[in-house]
C-alpha atoms as a PDB file:
ATOM      1  CA  MET A   1       0.000   0.000   0.000  1.00  0.00           C
ATOM      2  CA  ILE A   2       2.828   2.429   0.887  1.00  0.00           C
ATOM      3  CA  GLN A   3       6.502   2.413  -0.064  1.00  0.00           C
ATOM      4  CA  VAL A   4       8.646   5.394   0.955  1.00  0.00           C
ATOM      5  CA  SER A   5      12.321   5.562   0.012  1.00  0.00           C
ATOM      6  CA  GLU A   6      15.024   8.184   0.679  1.00  0.00           C
ATOM      7  CA  LEU A   7      12.463  10.830   1.600  1.00  0.00           C
ATOM      8  CA  HIS A   8      13.832  14.230   2.602  1.00  0.00           C
ATOM      9  CA  PHE A   9      11.943  17.398   3.468  1.00  0.00           C
ATOM     10  CA  SER A  10      13.232  20.791   4.621  1.00  0.00           C
ATOM     11  CA  THR A  11      11.599  24.121   5.451  1.00  0.00           C
ATOM     12  CA  GLU A  12      12.181  27.187   3.279  1.00  0.00           C
ATOM     13  CA  ASP A  13      14.931  28.343   5.643  1.00  0.00           C
ATOM     14  CA  GLY A  14      16.748  25.012   5.344  1.00  0.00           C
ATOM     15  CA  LEU A  15      15.643  23.293   8.550  1.00  0.00           C
ATOM     16  CA  LYS A  16      15.539  19.525   8.006  1.00  0.00           C
ATOM     17  CA  VAL A  17      12.210  18.051   9.103  1.00  0.00           C
ATOM     18  CA  LEU A  18      12.475  14.601   7.492  1.00  0.00           C
ATOM     19  CA  GLU A  19      15.793  13.006   6.592  1.00  0.00           C
ATOM     20  CA  ASP A  20      16.267   9.794   4.586  1.00  0.00           C
ATOM     21  CA  VAL A  21      12.916   8.300   5.636  1.00  0.00           C
ATOM     22  CA  HIS A  22      12.119   4.726   4.569  1.00  0.00           C
ATOM     23  CA  LEU A  23       8.707   3.208   5.280  1.00  0.00           C
ATOM     24  CA  HIS A  24       6.803   0.159   4.062  1.00  0.00           C
ATOM     25  CA  VAL A  25       3.150  -0.580   4.817  1.00  0.00           C
ATOM     26  CA  ASP A  26       1.327  -3.636   3.479  1.00  0.00           C
ATOM     27  CA  PRO A  27      -2.404  -3.631   2.663  1.00  0.00           C
ATOM     28  CA  GLY A  28      -4.537  -4.299   5.743  1.00  0.00           C
ATOM     29  CA  GLN A  29      -1.859  -3.328   8.258  1.00  0.00           C
ATOM     30  CA  ALA A  30      -2.186  -0.915  11.175  1.00  0.00           C
ATOM     31  CA  VAL A  31       1.090   1.007  11.459  1.00  0.00           C
ATOM     32  CA  TYR A  32       1.916   3.587  14.114  1.00  0.00           C
ATOM     33  CA  LEU A  33       4.271   6.555  13.839  1.00  0.00           C
ATOM     34  CA  VAL A  34       5.265   7.457  17.396  1.00  0.00           C
ATOM     35  CA  GLY A  35       7.081  10.688  18.148  1.00  0.00           C
ATOM     36  CA  PRO A  36       6.986  13.928  20.137  1.00  0.00           C
ATOM     37  CA  ALA A  37       5.191  17.081  19.051  1.00  0.00           C
ATOM     38  CA  SER A  38       6.801  18.862  16.070  1.00  0.00           C
ATOM     39  CA  SER A  39       8.688  15.722  15.036  1.00  0.00           C
ATOM     40  CA  GLY A  40       7.246  15.717  11.510  1.00  0.00           C
ATOM     41  CA  LYS A  41       4.387  13.228  11.973  1.00  0.00           C
ATOM     42  CA  THR A  42       1.719  15.512  10.520  1.00  0.00           C
ATOM     43  CA  LEU A  43       4.002  16.440   7.626  1.00  0.00           C
ATOM     44  CA  LEU A  44       4.638  12.785   6.817  1.00  0.00           C
ATOM     45  CA  LEU A  45       0.896  12.054   6.810  1.00  0.00           C
ATOM     46  CA  GLY A  46       0.391  15.033   4.503  1.00  0.00           C
ATOM     47  CA  LEU A  47       3.012  13.671   2.124  1.00  0.00           C
ATOM     48  CA  LEU A  48       1.409  10.216   2.135  1.00  0.00           C
ATOM     49  CA  GLY A  49      -1.999  11.776   1.531  1.00  0.00           C
ATOM     50  CA  THR A  50      -0.744  13.856  -1.459  1.00  0.00           C
ATOM     51  CA  VAL A  51      -1.654  17.070   0.387  1.00  0.00           C
ATOM     52  CA  VAL A  52       2.018  18.125   0.536  1.00  0.00           C
ATOM     53  CA  PRO A  53       4.235  17.559  -2.547  1.00  0.00           C
ATOM     54  CA  PRO A  54       7.507  15.687  -1.884  1.00  0.00           C
ATOM     55  CA  GLN A  55      10.826  17.501  -2.318  1.00  0.00           C
ATOM     56  CA  ARG A  56      13.262  14.593  -2.536  1.00  0.00           C
ATOM     57  CA  GLY A  57      12.741  10.845  -2.489  1.00  0.00           C
ATOM     58  CA  GLN A  58      10.035   8.497  -3.659  1.00  0.00           C
ATOM     59  CA  ILE A  59       6.540   7.902  -2.303  1.00  0.00           C
ATOM     60  CA  LEU A  60       4.406   5.129  -3.751  1.00  0.00           C
ATOM     61  CA  VAL A  61       0.774   4.885  -2.603  1.00  0.00           C
ATOM     62  CA  HIS A  62      -1.233   1.995  -4.009  1.00  0.00           C
ATOM     63  CA  GLY A  63       1.419   1.562  -6.683  1.00  0.00           C
ATOM     64  CA  ARG A  64       1.328   5.191  -7.795  1.00  0.00           C
ATOM     65  CA  ASN A  65       4.332   7.499  -7.647  1.00  0.00           C
ATOM     66  CA  VAL A  66       2.945  10.553  -5.864  1.00  0.00           C
ATOM     67  CA  ALA A  67       5.575  12.921  -7.292  1.00  0.00           C
ATOM     68  CA  ARG A  68       4.647  12.034 -10.883  1.00  0.00           C
ATOM     69  CA  LEU A  69       0.892  12.322 -10.619  1.00  0.00           C
ATOM     70  CA  SER A  70      -0.895  15.023 -12.554  1.00  0.00           C
ATOM     71  CA  ARG A  71      -3.109  17.382 -10.578  1.00  0.00           C
ATOM     72  CA  GLU A  72      -6.172  15.416 -11.670  1.00  0.00           C
ATOM     73  CA  ARG A  73      -4.632  12.039 -10.790  1.00  0.00           C
ATOM     74  CA  ALA A  74      -3.458  13.345  -7.414  1.00  0.00           C
ATOM     75  CA  LEU A  75      -6.984  14.541  -6.660  1.00  0.00           C
ATOM     76  CA  GLU A  76      -8.387  11.172  -7.712  1.00  0.00           C
ATOM     77  CA  LEU A  77      -5.974   9.370  -5.356  1.00  0.00           C
ATOM     78  CA  ARG A  78      -6.698  11.824  -2.545  1.00  0.00           C
ATOM     79  CA  ARG A  79     -10.402  10.964  -2.789  1.00  0.00           C
ATOM     80  CA  ARG A  80      -9.453   7.342  -2.004  1.00  0.00           C
ATOM     81  CA  ILE A  81      -7.610   8.317   1.183  1.00  0.00           C
ATOM     82  CA  GLY A  82      -9.456   8.957   4.446  1.00  0.00           C
ATOM     83  CA  PHE A  83      -7.886  11.521   6.765  1.00  0.00           C
ATOM     84  CA  LEU A  84      -8.541  12.407  10.400  1.00  0.00           C
ATOM     85  CA  PRO A  85      -6.727  15.667  11.259  1.00  0.00           C
ATOM     86  CA  GLN A  86      -5.392  16.438  14.701  1.00  0.00           C
ATOM     87  CA  GLY A  87      -7.925  18.387  16.754  1.00  0.00           C
ATOM     88  CA  PHE A  88     -10.737  17.574  14.325  1.00  0.00           C
ATOM     89  CA  SER A  89     -13.658  20.030  14.449  1.00  0.00           C
ATOM     90  CA  PRO A  90     -16.987  19.042  12.843  1.00  0.00           C
ATOM     91  CA  LEU A  91     -19.239  21.282  10.791  1.00  0.00           C
ATOM     92  CA  PRO A  92     -22.056  23.049  12.698  1.00  0.00           C
ATOM     93  CA  ARG A  93     -24.566  20.462  11.505  1.00  0.00           C
ATOM     94  CA  THR A  94     -25.974  17.224  12.839  1.00  0.00           C
ATOM     95  CA  VAL A  95     -23.770  14.137  13.008  1.00  0.00           C
ATOM     96  CA  PHE A  96     -25.566  12.616  10.023  1.00  0.00           C
ATOM     97  CA  ASP A  97     -25.432  15.830   7.980  1.00  0.00           C
ATOM     98  CA  ASN A  98     -21.659  16.083   8.489  1.00  0.00           C
ATOM     99  CA  LEU A  99     -21.279  12.786   6.658  1.00  0.00           C
ATOM    100  CA  LEU A 100     -23.967  13.543   4.105  1.00  0.00           C
ATOM    101  CA  PHE A 101     -22.268  16.826   3.184  1.00  0.00           C
ATOM    102  CA  LYS A 102     -18.935  15.105   2.493  1.00  0.00           C
ATOM    103  CA  LEU A 103     -20.457  12.267   0.507  1.00  0.00           C
ATOM    104  CA  ARG A 104     -22.538  14.615  -1.632  1.00  0.00           C
ATOM    105  CA  VAL A 105     -19.467  16.759  -2.345  1.00  0.00           C
ATOM    106  CA  LEU A 106     -17.697  13.593  -3.504  1.00  0.00           C
ATOM    107  CA  GLY A 107     -20.459  13.058  -6.046  1.00  0.00           C
ATOM    108  CA  ASN A 108     -22.645  10.400  -4.447  1.00  0.00           C
ATOM    109  CA  ASP A 109     -26.369  10.618  -5.129  1.00  0.00           C
ATOM    110  CA  ARG A 110     -28.676  11.117  -2.138  1.00  0.00           C
ATOM    111  CA  GLU A 111     -29.713   7.483  -1.746  1.00  0.00           C
ATOM    112  CA  GLU A 112     -26.124   6.198  -1.926  1.00  0.00           C
ATOM    113  CA  ALA A 113     -24.876   8.939   0.405  1.00  0.00           C
ATOM    114  CA  ASP A 114     -27.574   8.108   2.974  1.00  0.00           C
ATOM    115  CA  GLU A 115     -26.630   4.431   2.879  1.00  0.00           C
ATOM    116  CA  GLN A 116     -22.890   5.054   3.210  1.00  0.00           C
ATOM    117  CA  ALA A 117     -23.369   7.586   6.009  1.00  0.00           C
ATOM    118  CA  LEU A 118     -25.527   5.208   8.065  1.00  0.00           C
ATOM    119  CA  LEU A 119     -23.048   2.359   7.543  1.00  0.00           C
ATOM    120  CA  ALA A 120     -20.136   4.530   8.723  1.00  0.00           C
ATOM    121  CA  LEU A 121     -22.071   5.671  11.801  1.00  0.00           C
ATOM    122  CA  GLU A 122     -22.969   2.077  12.611  1.00  0.00           C
ATOM    123  CA  THR A 123     -19.297   1.091  12.299  1.00  0.00           C
ATOM    124  CA  VAL A 124     -18.081   3.735  14.760  1.00  0.00           C
ATOM    125  CA  GLY A 125     -21.001   3.351  17.192  1.00  0.00           C
ATOM    126  CA  LEU A 126     -22.698   6.703  16.580  1.00  0.00           C
ATOM    127  CA  ILE A 127     -25.901   5.566  14.903  1.00  0.00           C
ATOM    128  CA  ARG A 128     -28.043   6.660  17.874  1.00  0.00           C
ATOM    129  CA  GLU A 129     -26.436  10.117  17.837  1.00  0.00           C
ATOM    130  CA  ARG A 130     -27.064  10.753  14.137  1.00  0.00           C
ATOM    131  CA  ALA A 131     -29.520  13.599  14.844  1.00  0.00           C
ATOM    132  CA  THR A 132     -27.288  15.205  17.506  1.00  0.00           C
ATOM    133  CA  GLU A 133     -25.579  18.487  16.738  1.00  0.00           C
ATOM    134  CA  ALA A 134     -21.967  17.495  16.066  1.00  0.00           C
ATOM    135  CA  GLU A 135     -20.583  20.429  18.047  1.00  0.00           C
ATOM    136  CA  ASP A 136     -22.367  19.109  21.150  1.00  0.00           C
ATOM    137  CA  LEU A 137     -20.555  15.751  21.089  1.00  0.00           C
ATOM    138  CA  PRO A 138     -18.050  15.008  23.879  1.00  0.00           C
ATOM    139  CA  PRO A 139     -14.391  14.676  22.777  1.00  0.00           C
ATOM    140  CA  VAL A 140     -14.348  10.874  22.364  1.00  0.00           C
ATOM    141  CA  GLU A 141     -17.475  10.929  20.220  1.00  0.00           C
ATOM    142  CA  ARG A 142     -16.000  13.717  18.099  1.00  0.00           C
ATOM    143  CA  VAL A 143     -13.122  11.356  17.375  1.00  0.00           C
ATOM    144  CA  ARG A 144     -15.638   8.676  16.401  1.00  0.00           C
ATOM    145  CA  LEU A 145     -17.339  11.147  14.064  1.00  0.00           C
ATOM    146  CA  GLY A 146     -13.979  12.067  12.564  1.00  0.00           C
ATOM    147  CA  LEU A 147     -13.308   8.392  11.943  1.00  0.00           C
ATOM    148  CA  ALA A 148     -16.730   7.975  10.347  1.00  0.00           C
ATOM    149  CA  LEU A 149     -15.949  10.864   8.005  1.00  0.00           C
ATOM    150  CA  ALA A 150     -12.576   9.337   7.172  1.00  0.00           C
ATOM    151  CA  LEU A 151     -14.001   5.929   6.253  1.00  0.00           C
ATOM    152  CA  CYS A 152     -17.471   6.763   4.890  1.00  0.00           C
ATOM    153  CA  ASN A 153     -16.415   6.599   1.221  1.00  0.00           C
ATOM    154  CA  SER A 154     -14.583   3.235   1.589  1.00  0.00           C
ATOM    155  CA  PRO A 155     -11.025   4.580   1.193  1.00  0.00           C
ATOM    156  CA  LEU A 156      -7.972   2.540   0.261  1.00  0.00           C
ATOM    157  CA  LEU A 157      -6.022   4.049   3.141  1.00  0.00           C
ATOM    158  CA  LEU A 158      -6.773   5.796   6.442  1.00  0.00           C
ATOM    159  CA  LEU A 159      -4.341   8.414   7.785  1.00  0.00           C
ATOM    160  CA  LEU A 160      -5.077   9.367  11.405  1.00  0.00           C
ATOM    161  CA  ASP A 161      -3.316  12.220  13.178  1.00  0.00           C
ATOM    162  CA  GLU A 162      -3.334  11.982  17.000  1.00  0.00           C
ATOM    163  CA  PRO A 163      -6.705  10.216  17.419  1.00  0.00           C
ATOM    164  CA  PHE A 164      -6.022   9.704  21.163  1.00  0.00           C
ATOM    165  CA  ASP A 165      -5.141  13.335  21.885  1.00  0.00           C
ATOM    166  CA  GLY A 166      -7.076  14.878  24.784  1.00  0.00           C
ATOM    167  CA  LEU A 167      -8.806  11.637  25.797  1.00  0.00           C
ATOM    168  CA  ASP A 168      -8.623   9.935  29.182  1.00  0.00           C
ATOM    169  CA  PRO A 169      -7.124   6.407  29.369  1.00  0.00           C
ATOM    170  CA  ASP A 170     -10.499   4.627  29.154  1.00  0.00           C
ATOM    171  CA  GLU A 171     -11.503   6.719  26.147  1.00  0.00           C
ATOM    172  CA  GLN A 172      -8.177   6.009  24.478  1.00  0.00           C
ATOM    173  CA  GLU A 173      -8.763   2.286  24.951  1.00  0.00           C
ATOM    174  CA  SER A 174     -12.258   2.575  23.424  1.00  0.00           C
ATOM    175  CA  VAL A 175     -10.829   4.350  20.371  1.00  0.00           C
ATOM    176  CA  GLY A 176      -8.089   1.725  20.190  1.00  0.00           C
ATOM    177  CA  MET A 177     -10.755  -1.004  20.085  1.00  0.00           C
ATOM    178  CA  LEU A 178     -12.540   0.855  17.302  1.00  0.00           C
ATOM    179  CA  LEU A 179      -9.326   1.130  15.271  1.00  0.00           C
ATOM    180  CA  SER A 180      -8.812  -2.619  15.702  1.00  0.00           C
ATOM    181  CA  LYS A 181     -12.337  -3.194  14.395  1.00  0.00           C
ATOM    182  CA  ILE A 182     -11.700  -0.968  11.380  1.00  0.00           C
ATOM    183  CA  ARG A 183      -8.387  -2.687  10.671  1.00  0.00           C
ATOM    184  CA  ASP A 184     -10.010  -6.124  10.940  1.00  0.00           C
ATOM    185  CA  GLY A 185     -12.333  -4.974   8.190  1.00  0.00           C
ATOM    186  CA  ARG A 186      -9.207  -5.061   5.980  1.00  0.00           C
ATOM    187  CA  SER A 187      -8.597  -1.307   6.070  1.00  0.00           C
ATOM    188  CA  THR A 188      -5.006  -0.042   5.994  1.00  0.00           C
ATOM    189  CA  LEU A 189      -4.231   2.470   8.757  1.00  0.00           C
ATOM    190  CA  VAL A 190      -1.291   4.766   9.428  1.00  0.00           C
ATOM    191  CA  ILE A 191      -1.687   6.422  12.825  1.00  0.00           C
ATOM    192  CA  ALA A 192       0.474   9.242  14.152  1.00  0.00           C
ATOM    193  CA  THR A 193       0.627   9.596  17.932  1.00  0.00           C
ATOM    194  CA  ARG A 194       2.799  10.940  20.728  1.00  0.00           C
ATOM    195  CA  GLY A 195       2.060   7.622  22.439  1.00  0.00           C
ATOM    196  CA  PRO A 196       1.672   5.386  24.197  1.00  0.00           C
ATOM    197  CA  ILE A 197      -0.320   3.093  21.899  1.00  0.00           C
ATOM    198  CA  PRO A 198      -3.445   1.788  23.698  1.00  0.00           C
ATOM    199  CA  ARG A 199      -3.273  -1.902  24.524  1.00  0.00           C
ATOM    200  CA  SER A 200      -6.623  -2.457  22.791  1.00  0.00           C
ATOM    201  CA  ALA A 201      -5.342  -1.132  19.467  1.00  0.00           C
ATOM    202  CA  ALA A 202      -4.216  -3.571  16.780  1.00  0.00           C
ATOM    203  CA  CYS A 203      -0.635  -2.722  15.881  1.00  0.00           C
ATOM    204  CA  ASP A 204       1.216  -4.629  13.163  1.00  0.00           C
ATOM    205  CA  ARG A 205       4.254  -2.356  13.196  1.00  0.00           C
ATOM    206  CA  ALA A 206       5.349   0.713  15.141  1.00  0.00           C
ATOM    207  CA  PHE A 207       8.009   3.200  14.108  1.00  0.00           C
ATOM    208  CA  SER A 208       9.674   5.983  16.045  1.00  0.00           C
ATOM    209  CA  LEU A 209       9.873   9.388  14.362  1.00  0.00           C
ATOM    210  CA  ARG A 210      12.475  11.589  16.010  1.00  0.00           C
ATOM    211  CA  ASP A 211      14.978  14.133  14.733  1.00  0.00           C
ATOM    212  CA  GLY A 212      13.625  13.660  11.222  1.00  0.00           C
ATOM    213  CA  LYS A 213      14.361   9.945  11.081  1.00  0.00           C
ATOM    214  CA  VAL A 214      12.042   6.943  11.145  1.00  0.00           C
ATOM    215  CA  THR A 215      13.344   3.919  13.021  1.00  0.00           C
ATOM    216  CA  SER A 216      11.917   0.697  14.442  1.00  0.00           C
ATOM    217  CA  PRO A 217      11.656   1.018  18.244  1.00  0.00           C
END
């Protein structure tokens, strides 16, 4: 699913953020990138998700060289990648309408969008809250909504940035269980976190990201 080789990335003033990064993720795996704040985790997810163009090195996602994709092809690939940003904030709509809005923007007709939205809410355990205003959800349920938005269009790959941030230990374990459920559905997940990884979370491989380098812990 992902093959990264000799990836380098620097800021405009020459500060190295990523240096000679190598990463391999097989389809259906749950892989964690563990590192402190400002270690480049969000940047690496952005590169994998084609949001940020690579400077040096090679990134293959689902067999496609990200650096060589046309704008149209990059957009097509991006539509097949689900992303949960750090500190996710929902739209000021109901839980269901948050999903419906995304699916309609992606071009689904109303009947198909309704079906996919309900399936995603069922998967993350929010079906009973579908009529709730999303901004009224407690933090752990906001994460569940963010996950529903990430997976509602059946993506090839899920990129999750700090899904455990701001949650208490029990809530982190509940999200970890949900990620295991999603992964067991044959989804491929790359999760960035400051750690630790909840015990309930399926983890096929974990990498440390520190000082711009990715290493096996």
